[in-house]
Amino acid sequence: MIQKNEFLRMVFICQIHIFKVFGEYELNFNLKEEGIELSIKGKGKRKRYYRNLDGDEIEKFIYAESGKLVVCPVEPVNLPKIGVAEHLMIEFDKPLIIEPGVKDSFFVKFPVEIGIFLVDKKDIERIDIFTKTRAKYILYGPPENGIICRWWKSKSYNDMPEVNKLQEGIMKVEVENNYHEWLEMKRIVFRAFDMKLFYNEYAYMHSYLNILKKTMGETAFNKRKPKNMKESIDIYLAKGIKRIEKKFIMEWGFK
């Protein structure tokens, strides 16, 4: 028979194992997982925010009476510096060949960047963004007017894959070939401005690809919140940037 103290210890261990990094926290907490340490400590209005990611440390002081801290995945184009890239290219480990008129779906993985936000009833303030992934970049299109993209390589999966939640997210891609010929696809490009992220214990996006021509396609995102998931804070909306165009045209092909 398991003694009461042993039972409580086992429950505590299980709680640590299933602890979710993403979520809302009070302005007094401490979190450690997989090389990441986050904390807010202090008395009264003055508090200290501290983050350590594998030895990379950041420290800020917060003056607040109320509010919460939100830890959530953000558009994966902010690091190492905002403005370097505004698009994400996912390259498949093996090409996909799609028949004319076919409509289907598959899953890919994408890199995760984690945003830290202070939130109250009136405002949202971003205080930190970090990632456990290494940022790589690639040019999509011709050198004179192409687009610099954050680059990521992924397999394509028929079913939702398992992921390292602090490094990889899951993206569902619904593809439709409206071109009259077979099409071979080695890559797909998304604009970060169009992205809509959700999360529970992992990051998630739901995207669309409409193949229009041999070298042209249109990518977009589903804005509807999936069941049992929360909506990530939108960096662009938090900045007051309005979304007008909601689709991105891939005009330089899929190879």
C-alpha atoms as a PDB file:
ATOM      1  CA  MET A   1       0.000   0.000   0.000  1.00  0.00           C
ATOM      2  CA  ILE A   2       1.294   3.470  -0.929  1.00  0.00           C
ATOM      3  CA  GLN A   3       1.657   5.786   2.053  1.00  0.00           C
ATOM      4  CA  LYS A   4       0.073   9.251   1.943  1.00  0.00           C
ATOM      5  CA  ASN A   5       3.414  11.112   1.743  1.00  0.00           C
ATOM      6  CA  GLU A   6       4.635   8.847  -1.059  1.00  0.00           C
ATOM      7  CA  PHE A   7       1.384   9.359  -2.953  1.00  0.00           C
ATOM      8  CA  LEU A   8       1.671  13.149  -2.670  1.00  0.00           C
ATOM      9  CA  ARG A   9       5.277  12.980  -3.843  1.00  0.00           C
ATOM     10  CA  MET A  10       4.237  10.986  -6.928  1.00  0.00           C
ATOM     11  CA  VAL A  11       1.465  13.477  -7.725  1.00  0.00           C
ATOM     12  CA  PHE A  12       3.963  16.341  -7.403  1.00  0.00           C
ATOM     13  CA  ILE A  13       6.388  14.618  -9.798  1.00  0.00           C
ATOM     14  CA  CYS A  14       3.581  14.070 -12.320  1.00  0.00           C
ATOM     15  CA  GLN A  15       2.589  17.729 -12.077  1.00  0.00           C
ATOM     16  CA  ILE A  16       6.161  18.772 -12.817  1.00  0.00           C
ATOM     17  CA  HIS A  17       6.302  16.408 -15.798  1.00  0.00           C
ATOM     18  CA  ILE A  18       3.135  17.790 -17.421  1.00  0.00           C
ATOM     19  CA  PHE A  19       3.827  21.426 -16.555  1.00  0.00           C
ATOM     20  CA  LYS A  20       2.997  23.730 -19.446  1.00  0.00           C
ATOM     21  CA  VAL A  21       5.371  26.575 -20.304  1.00  0.00           C
ATOM     22  CA  PHE A  22       2.775  28.429 -22.365  1.00  0.00           C
ATOM     23  CA  GLY A  23       0.024  30.159 -20.417  1.00  0.00           C
ATOM     24  CA  GLU A  24      -0.869  33.001 -18.035  1.00  0.00           C
ATOM     25  CA  TYR A  25       1.007  33.654 -14.800  1.00  0.00           C
ATOM     26  CA  GLU A  26       0.787  36.025 -11.871  1.00  0.00           C
ATOM     27  CA  LEU A  27       3.519  38.619 -11.461  1.00  0.00           C
ATOM     28  CA  ASN A  28       5.302  36.431  -8.959  1.00  0.00           C
ATOM     29  CA  PHE A  29       6.460  33.089 -10.325  1.00  0.00           C
ATOM     30  CA  ASN A  30       9.453  30.917 -11.163  1.00  0.00           C
ATOM     31  CA  LEU A  31       9.707  28.471 -14.061  1.00  0.00           C
ATOM     32  CA  LYS A  32      12.497  26.120 -15.082  1.00  0.00           C
ATOM     33  CA  GLU A  33      12.363  23.673 -17.985  1.00  0.00           C
ATOM     34  CA  GLU A  34      14.820  22.333 -20.587  1.00  0.00           C
ATOM     35  CA  GLY A  35      17.476  25.005 -20.126  1.00  0.00           C
ATOM     36  CA  ILE A  36      14.994  27.861 -19.751  1.00  0.00           C
ATOM     37  CA  GLU A  37      14.588  29.774 -16.502  1.00  0.00           C
ATOM     38  CA  LEU A  38      11.952  32.495 -16.155  1.00  0.00           C
ATOM     39  CA  SER A  39      11.033  34.394 -13.015  1.00  0.00           C
ATOM     40  CA  ILE A  40       9.361  37.501 -11.691  1.00  0.00           C
ATOM     41  CA  LYS A  41      10.097  38.302  -8.074  1.00  0.00           C
ATOM     42  CA  GLY A  42       9.716  41.300  -5.840  1.00  0.00           C
ATOM     43  CA  LYS A  43       7.667  43.021  -3.189  1.00  0.00           C
ATOM     44  CA  GLY A  44       5.126  45.734  -3.757  1.00  0.00           C
ATOM     45  CA  LYS A  45       5.109  47.474  -7.123  1.00  0.00           C
ATOM     46  CA  ARG A  46       8.769  46.869  -7.988  1.00  0.00           C
ATOM     47  CA  LYS A  47       9.529  43.454  -9.481  1.00  0.00           C
ATOM     48  CA  ARG A  48      12.460  41.860 -11.271  1.00  0.00           C
ATOM     49  CA  TYR A  49      12.016  39.943 -14.512  1.00  0.00           C
ATOM     50  CA  TYR A  50      14.788  37.446 -15.205  1.00  0.00           C
ATOM     51  CA  ARG A  51      15.324  35.056 -18.097  1.00  0.00           C
ATOM     52  CA  ASN A  52      18.164  32.621 -18.620  1.00  0.00           C
ATOM     53  CA  LEU A  53      18.277  30.570 -21.817  1.00  0.00           C
ATOM     54  CA  ASP A  54      21.257  28.225 -21.821  1.00  0.00           C
ATOM     55  CA  GLY A  55      23.458  30.957 -20.327  1.00  0.00           C
ATOM     56  CA  ASP A  56      21.991  33.887 -22.283  1.00  0.00           C
ATOM     57  CA  GLU A  57      20.586  36.142 -19.555  1.00  0.00           C
ATOM     58  CA  ILE A  58      18.288  39.146 -19.573  1.00  0.00           C
ATOM     59  CA  GLU A  59      17.050  41.207 -16.636  1.00  0.00           C
ATOM     60  CA  LYS A  60      14.416  43.948 -16.469  1.00  0.00           C
ATOM     61  CA  PHE A  61      12.573  45.732 -13.691  1.00  0.00           C
ATOM     62  CA  ILE A  62       8.799  46.048 -13.737  1.00  0.00           C
ATOM     63  CA  TYR A  63       6.702  48.524 -11.778  1.00  0.00           C
ATOM     64  CA  ALA A  64       3.154  47.218 -11.574  1.00  0.00           C
ATOM     65  CA  GLU A  65       0.308  46.816  -9.127  1.00  0.00           C
ATOM     66  CA  SER A  66      -1.712  44.334 -11.155  1.00  0.00           C
ATOM     67  CA  GLY A  67      -1.711  42.576 -14.481  1.00  0.00           C
ATOM     68  CA  LYS A  68      -0.511  39.179 -15.637  1.00  0.00           C
ATOM     69  CA  LEU A  69       2.334  37.678 -17.561  1.00  0.00           C
ATOM     70  CA  VAL A  70       1.520  35.736 -20.738  1.00  0.00           C
ATOM     71  CA  VAL A  71       4.012  33.245 -22.189  1.00  0.00           C
ATOM     72  CA  CYS A  72       3.013  32.168 -25.693  1.00  0.00           C
ATOM     73  CA  PRO A  73       4.403  31.295 -29.130  1.00  0.00           C
ATOM     74  CA  VAL A  74       4.782  34.208 -31.541  1.00  0.00           C
ATOM     75  CA  GLU A  75       5.413  34.597 -35.270  1.00  0.00           C
ATOM     76  CA  PRO A  76       8.787  32.852 -35.836  1.00  0.00           C
ATOM     77  CA  VAL A  77      10.552  35.725 -37.610  1.00  0.00           C
ATOM     78  CA  ASN A  78      11.532  38.051 -34.747  1.00  0.00           C
ATOM     79  CA  LEU A  79      15.021  36.740 -33.959  1.00  0.00           C
ATOM     80  CA  PRO A  80      17.874  37.399 -33.981  1.00  0.00           C
ATOM     81  CA  LYS A  81      16.592  40.851 -34.949  1.00  0.00           C
ATOM     82  CA  ILE A  82      13.169  42.157 -35.906  1.00  0.00           C
ATOM     83  CA  GLY A  83      13.083  43.245 -39.535  1.00  0.00           C
ATOM     84  CA  VAL A  84      15.610  40.748 -40.917  1.00  0.00           C
ATOM     85  CA  ALA A  85      12.807  38.582 -42.337  1.00  0.00           C
ATOM     86  CA  GLU A  86       9.036  38.833 -42.497  1.00  0.00           C
ATOM     87  CA  HIS A  87       8.390  35.486 -44.171  1.00  0.00           C
ATOM     88  CA  LEU A  88       8.826  31.833 -43.261  1.00  0.00           C
ATOM     89  CA  MET A  89       9.901  29.233 -45.806  1.00  0.00           C
ATOM     90  CA  ILE A  90       9.346  25.579 -44.992  1.00  0.00           C
ATOM     91  CA  GLU A  91      11.379  23.239 -47.178  1.00  0.00           C
ATOM     92  CA  PHE A  92      10.229  19.625 -47.364  1.00  0.00           C
ATOM     93  CA  ASP A  93      12.730  16.847 -46.820  1.00  0.00           C
ATOM     94  CA  LYS A  94      11.140  15.085 -49.816  1.00  0.00           C
ATOM     95  CA  PRO A  95       9.172  16.742 -52.671  1.00  0.00           C
ATOM     96  CA  LEU A  96       5.391  16.502 -52.859  1.00  0.00           C
ATOM     97  CA  ILE A  97       3.762  15.799 -56.230  1.00  0.00           C
ATOM     98  CA  ILE A  98       0.138  16.896 -56.505  1.00  0.00           C
ATOM     99  CA  GLU A  99      -2.384  15.896 -59.166  1.00  0.00           C
ATOM    100  CA  PRO A 100      -4.588  18.541 -60.859  1.00  0.00           C
ATOM    101  CA  GLY A 101      -7.834  19.100 -58.976  1.00  0.00           C
ATOM    102  CA  VAL A 102      -6.649  17.331 -55.833  1.00  0.00           C
ATOM    103  CA  LYS A 103      -7.487  18.811 -52.444  1.00  0.00           C
ATOM    104  CA  ASP A 104      -5.876  17.296 -49.353  1.00  0.00           C
ATOM    105  CA  SER A 105      -4.076  18.165 -46.114  1.00  0.00           C
ATOM    106  CA  PHE A 106      -0.865  17.288 -44.326  1.00  0.00           C
ATOM    107  CA  PHE A 107       1.191  18.479 -41.350  1.00  0.00           C
ATOM    108  CA  VAL A 108       4.613  20.090 -41.069  1.00  0.00           C
ATOM    109  CA  LYS A 109       6.701  21.418 -38.207  1.00  0.00           C
ATOM    110  CA  PHE A 110       7.775  25.040 -37.800  1.00  0.00           C
ATOM    111  CA  PRO A 111      10.296  26.772 -35.498  1.00  0.00           C
ATOM    112  CA  VAL A 112       8.984  28.199 -32.229  1.00  0.00           C
ATOM    113  CA  GLU A 113       9.776  31.625 -30.847  1.00  0.00           C
ATOM    114  CA  ILE A 114       8.443  32.406 -27.380  1.00  0.00           C
ATOM    115  CA  GLY A 115       7.087  35.810 -26.432  1.00  0.00           C
ATOM    116  CA  ILE A 116       6.736  37.233 -22.923  1.00  0.00           C
ATOM    117  CA  PHE A 117       4.003  39.849 -22.495  1.00  0.00           C
ATOM    118  CA  LEU A 118       2.686  42.011 -19.667  1.00  0.00           C
ATOM    119  CA  VAL A 119      -1.080  42.233 -19.956  1.00  0.00           C
ATOM    120  CA  ASP A 120      -3.744  44.256 -18.137  1.00  0.00           C
ATOM    121  CA  LYS A 121      -7.247  45.401 -19.062  1.00  0.00           C
ATOM    122  CA  LYS A 122      -5.981  48.350 -21.111  1.00  0.00           C
ATOM    123  CA  ASP A 123      -2.709  47.383 -22.728  1.00  0.00           C
ATOM    124  CA  ILE A 124      -0.273  44.689 -23.844  1.00  0.00           C
ATOM    125  CA  GLU A 125       3.488  45.174 -23.574  1.00  0.00           C
ATOM    126  CA  ARG A 126       6.061  42.810 -25.040  1.00  0.00           C
ATOM    127  CA  ILE A 127       9.062  42.480 -22.726  1.00  0.00           C
ATOM    128  CA  ASP A 128      11.005  39.569 -24.205  1.00  0.00           C
ATOM    129  CA  ILE A 129      11.245  37.128 -27.118  1.00  0.00           C
ATOM    130  CA  PHE A 130      13.567  34.131 -27.199  1.00  0.00           C
ATOM    131  CA  THR A 131      14.016  30.815 -28.980  1.00  0.00           C
ATOM    132  CA  LYS A 132      15.845  27.527 -28.534  1.00  0.00           C
ATOM    133  CA  THR A 133      16.167  27.130 -32.313  1.00  0.00           C
ATOM    134  CA  ARG A 134      18.948  28.424 -34.529  1.00  0.00           C
ATOM    135  CA  ALA A 135      17.767  30.979 -37.078  1.00  0.00           C
ATOM    136  CA  LYS A 136      18.729  30.363 -40.709  1.00  0.00           C
ATOM    137  CA  TYR A 137      17.748  32.464 -43.707  1.00  0.00           C
ATOM    138  CA  ILE A 138      17.257  31.956 -47.428  1.00  0.00           C
ATOM    139  CA  LEU A 139      16.322  34.122 -50.413  1.00  0.00           C
ATOM    140  CA  TYR A 140      13.031  33.357 -52.155  1.00  0.00           C
ATOM    141  CA  GLY A 141      12.994  34.824 -55.652  1.00  0.00           C
ATOM    142  CA  PRO A 142      15.592  36.704 -57.733  1.00  0.00           C
ATOM    143  CA  PRO A 143      18.468  38.586 -56.045  1.00  0.00           C
ATOM    144  CA  GLU A 144      17.263  42.001 -57.208  1.00  0.00           C
ATOM    145  CA  ASN A 145      13.781  41.830 -55.667  1.00  0.00           C
ATOM    146  CA  GLY A 146      13.456  38.523 -53.842  1.00  0.00           C
ATOM    147  CA  ILE A 147      12.299  38.010 -50.253  1.00  0.00           C
ATOM    148  CA  ILE A 148      14.505  37.063 -47.314  1.00  0.00           C
ATOM    149  CA  CYS A 149      12.801  34.223 -45.433  1.00  0.00           C
ATOM    150  CA  ARG A 150      13.360  32.455 -42.150  1.00  0.00           C
ATOM    151  CA  TRP A 151      14.221  28.929 -43.326  1.00  0.00           C
ATOM    152  CA  TRP A 152      13.074  25.675 -41.755  1.00  0.00           C
ATOM    153  CA  LYS A 153      13.232  22.092 -42.998  1.00  0.00           C
ATOM    154  CA  SER A 154      10.480  19.636 -42.163  1.00  0.00           C
ATOM    155  CA  LYS A 155       9.047  16.308 -43.119  1.00  0.00           C
ATOM    156  CA  SER A 156       5.447  16.202 -44.294  1.00  0.00           C
ATOM    157  CA  TYR A 157       3.199  14.082 -42.083  1.00  0.00           C
ATOM    158  CA  ASN A 158      -0.161  12.444 -42.707  1.00  0.00           C
ATOM    159  CA  ASP A 159      -0.986  12.688 -38.992  1.00  0.00           C
ATOM    160  CA  MET A 160      -0.072  15.213 -36.318  1.00  0.00           C
ATOM    161  CA  PRO A 161       3.578  14.587 -35.362  1.00  0.00           C
ATOM    162  CA  GLU A 162       5.135  14.645 -31.933  1.00  0.00           C
ATOM    163  CA  VAL A 163       7.198  17.762 -31.301  1.00  0.00           C
ATOM    164  CA  ASN A 164       9.622  19.267 -28.830  1.00  0.00           C
ATOM    165  CA  LYS A 165       7.154  21.898 -27.596  1.00  0.00           C
ATOM    166  CA  LEU A 166       9.850  24.495 -26.821  1.00  0.00           C
ATOM    167  CA  GLN A 167      11.434  24.234 -30.278  1.00  0.00           C
ATOM    168  CA  GLU A 168       8.806  23.040 -32.761  1.00  0.00           C
ATOM    169  CA  GLY A 169       5.189  23.799 -33.512  1.00  0.00           C
ATOM    170  CA  ILE A 170       2.660  21.925 -35.650  1.00  0.00           C
ATOM    171  CA  MET A 171       1.151  23.426 -38.788  1.00  0.00           C
ATOM    172  CA  LYS A 172      -1.724  21.861 -40.673  1.00  0.00           C
ATOM    173  CA  VAL A 173      -1.568  22.659 -44.387  1.00  0.00           C
ATOM    174  CA  GLU A 174      -4.640  22.328 -46.587  1.00  0.00           C
ATOM    175  CA  VAL A 175      -3.524  22.286 -50.204  1.00  0.00           C
ATOM    176  CA  GLU A 176      -5.590  22.493 -53.389  1.00  0.00           C
ATOM    177  CA  ASN A 177      -4.162  22.226 -56.909  1.00  0.00           C
ATOM    178  CA  ASN A 178      -6.305  24.450 -59.122  1.00  0.00           C
ATOM    179  CA  TYR A 179      -3.755  24.278 -61.928  1.00  0.00           C
ATOM    180  CA  HIS A 180      -4.418  21.934 -64.876  1.00  0.00           C
ATOM    181  CA  GLU A 181      -1.088  20.088 -64.577  1.00  0.00           C
ATOM    182  CA  TRP A 182       0.712  17.941 -62.015  1.00  0.00           C
ATOM    183  CA  LEU A 183       2.868  20.034 -59.707  1.00  0.00           C
ATOM    184  CA  GLU A 184       6.035  19.150 -57.803  1.00  0.00           C
ATOM    185  CA  MET A 185       6.487  21.144 -54.618  1.00  0.00           C
ATOM    186  CA  LYS A 186       9.668  21.358 -52.547  1.00  0.00           C
ATOM    187  CA  ARG A 187       8.881  24.433 -50.472  1.00  0.00           C
ATOM    188  CA  ILE A 188       6.108  26.677 -49.260  1.00  0.00           C
ATOM    189  CA  VAL A 189       6.325  30.324 -48.150  1.00  0.00           C
ATOM    190  CA  PHE A 190       4.172  32.137 -45.589  1.00  0.00           C
ATOM    191  CA  ARG A 191       4.010  35.795 -44.604  1.00  0.00           C
ATOM    192  CA  ALA A 192       4.314  36.313 -40.849  1.00  0.00           C
ATOM    193  CA  PHE A 193       1.867  39.207 -40.996  1.00  0.00           C
ATOM    194  CA  ASP A 194      -0.875  36.728 -41.987  1.00  0.00           C
ATOM    195  CA  MET A 195      -0.109  34.109 -39.334  1.00  0.00           C
ATOM    196  CA  LYS A 196      -2.494  33.153 -36.572  1.00  0.00           C
ATOM    197  CA  LEU A 197      -1.000  31.116 -33.731  1.00  0.00           C
ATOM    198  CA  PHE A 198      -2.710  29.056 -31.050  1.00  0.00           C
ATOM    199  CA  TYR A 199      -1.386  26.945 -28.211  1.00  0.00           C
ATOM    200  CA  ASN A 200      -2.008  24.544 -25.368  1.00  0.00           C
ATOM    201  CA  GLU A 201       1.088  22.529 -24.486  1.00  0.00           C
ATOM    202  CA  TYR A 202       2.426  23.142 -28.024  1.00  0.00           C
ATOM    203  CA  ALA A 203       2.216  25.834 -30.732  1.00  0.00           C
ATOM    204  CA  TYR A 204      -0.199  25.351 -33.625  1.00  0.00           C
ATOM    205  CA  MET A 205      -1.137  27.010 -36.947  1.00  0.00           C
ATOM    206  CA  HIS A 206      -3.629  26.050 -39.651  1.00  0.00           C
ATOM    207  CA  SER A 207      -2.709  27.229 -43.151  1.00  0.00           C
ATOM    208  CA  TYR A 208      -3.970  27.029 -46.726  1.00  0.00           C
ATOM    209  CA  LEU A 209      -2.164  26.727 -50.051  1.00  0.00           C
ATOM    210  CA  ASN A 210      -4.035  27.387 -53.260  1.00  0.00           C
ATOM    211  CA  ILE A 211      -1.947  26.406 -56.311  1.00  0.00           C
ATOM    212  CA  LEU A 212      -2.869  28.810 -59.101  1.00  0.00           C
ATOM    213  CA  LYS A 213      -0.198  28.213 -61.739  1.00  0.00           C
ATOM    214  CA  LYS A 214       2.963  26.184 -62.293  1.00  0.00           C
ATOM    215  CA  THR A 215       4.991  28.804 -60.450  1.00  0.00           C
ATOM    216  CA  MET A 216       2.342  30.645 -58.462  1.00  0.00           C
ATOM    217  CA  GLY A 217       0.398  29.905 -55.303  1.00  0.00           C
ATOM    218  CA  GLU A 218      -1.487  31.676 -52.557  1.00  0.00           C
ATOM    219  CA  THR A 219      -0.974  31.026 -48.831  1.00  0.00           C
ATOM    220  CA  ALA A 220      -3.264  32.100 -45.986  1.00  0.00           C
ATOM    221  CA  PHE A 221      -4.213  31.127 -42.430  1.00  0.00           C
ATOM    222  CA  ASN A 222      -7.308  29.965 -40.603  1.00  0.00           C
ATOM    223  CA  LYS A 223      -8.210  32.462 -37.859  1.00  0.00           C
ATOM    224  CA  ARG A 224     -10.679  30.193 -36.032  1.00  0.00           C
ATOM    225  CA  LYS A 225      -9.518  29.025 -32.614  1.00  0.00           C
ATOM    226  CA  PRO A 226      -9.286  25.229 -32.339  1.00  0.00           C
ATOM    227  CA  LYS A 227     -11.081  23.482 -29.506  1.00  0.00           C
ATOM    228  CA  ASN A 228      -9.150  23.322 -26.219  1.00  0.00           C
ATOM    229  CA  MET A 229      -6.528  25.815 -27.414  1.00  0.00           C
ATOM    230  CA  LYS A 230      -5.786  29.444 -26.547  1.00  0.00           C
ATOM    231  CA  GLU A 231      -5.088  32.263 -28.947  1.00  0.00           C
ATOM    232  CA  SER A 232      -1.546  33.635 -28.915  1.00  0.00           C
ATOM    233  CA  ILE A 233      -0.992  37.353 -28.568  1.00  0.00           C
ATOM    234  CA  ASP A 234      -0.639  38.865 -32.028  1.00  0.00           C
ATOM    235  CA  ILE A 235       2.485  41.047 -32.124  1.00  0.00           C
ATOM    236  CA  TYR A 236       1.204  43.089 -35.044  1.00  0.00           C
ATOM    237  CA  LEU A 237      -2.189  43.797 -33.482  1.00  0.00           C
ATOM    238  CA  ALA A 238      -0.455  44.614 -30.200  1.00  0.00           C
ATOM    239  CA  LYS A 239       1.503  47.264 -32.109  1.00  0.00           C
ATOM    240  CA  GLY A 240      -1.738  48.662 -33.523  1.00  0.00           C
ATOM    241  CA  ILE A 241      -1.028  47.468 -37.077  1.00  0.00           C
ATOM    242  CA  LYS A 242      -4.210  46.678 -38.986  1.00  0.00           C
ATOM    243  CA  ARG A 243      -4.413  43.700 -41.275  1.00  0.00           C
ATOM    244  CA  ILE A 244      -5.704  44.466 -44.757  1.00  0.00           C
ATOM    245  CA  GLU A 245      -4.334  41.779 -47.045  1.00  0.00           C
ATOM    246  CA  LYS A 246      -4.745  38.311 -45.568  1.00  0.00           C
ATOM    247  CA  LYS A 247      -3.069  36.279 -48.291  1.00  0.00           C
ATOM    248  CA  PHE A 248       0.458  35.996 -49.647  1.00  0.00           C
ATOM    249  CA  ILE A 249       1.225  35.283 -53.310  1.00  0.00           C
ATOM    250  CA  MET A 250       4.093  32.894 -53.991  1.00  0.00           C
ATOM    251  CA  GLU A 251       5.148  34.190 -57.406  1.00  0.00           C
ATOM    252  CA  TRP A 252       8.542  32.506 -57.761  1.00  0.00           C
ATOM    253  CA  GLY A 253       7.507  28.895 -57.718  1.00  0.00           C
ATOM    254  CA  PHE A 254       7.627  25.888 -55.418  1.00  0.00           C
ATOM    255  CA  LYS A 255      11.129  24.519 -56.105  1.00  0.00           C
END
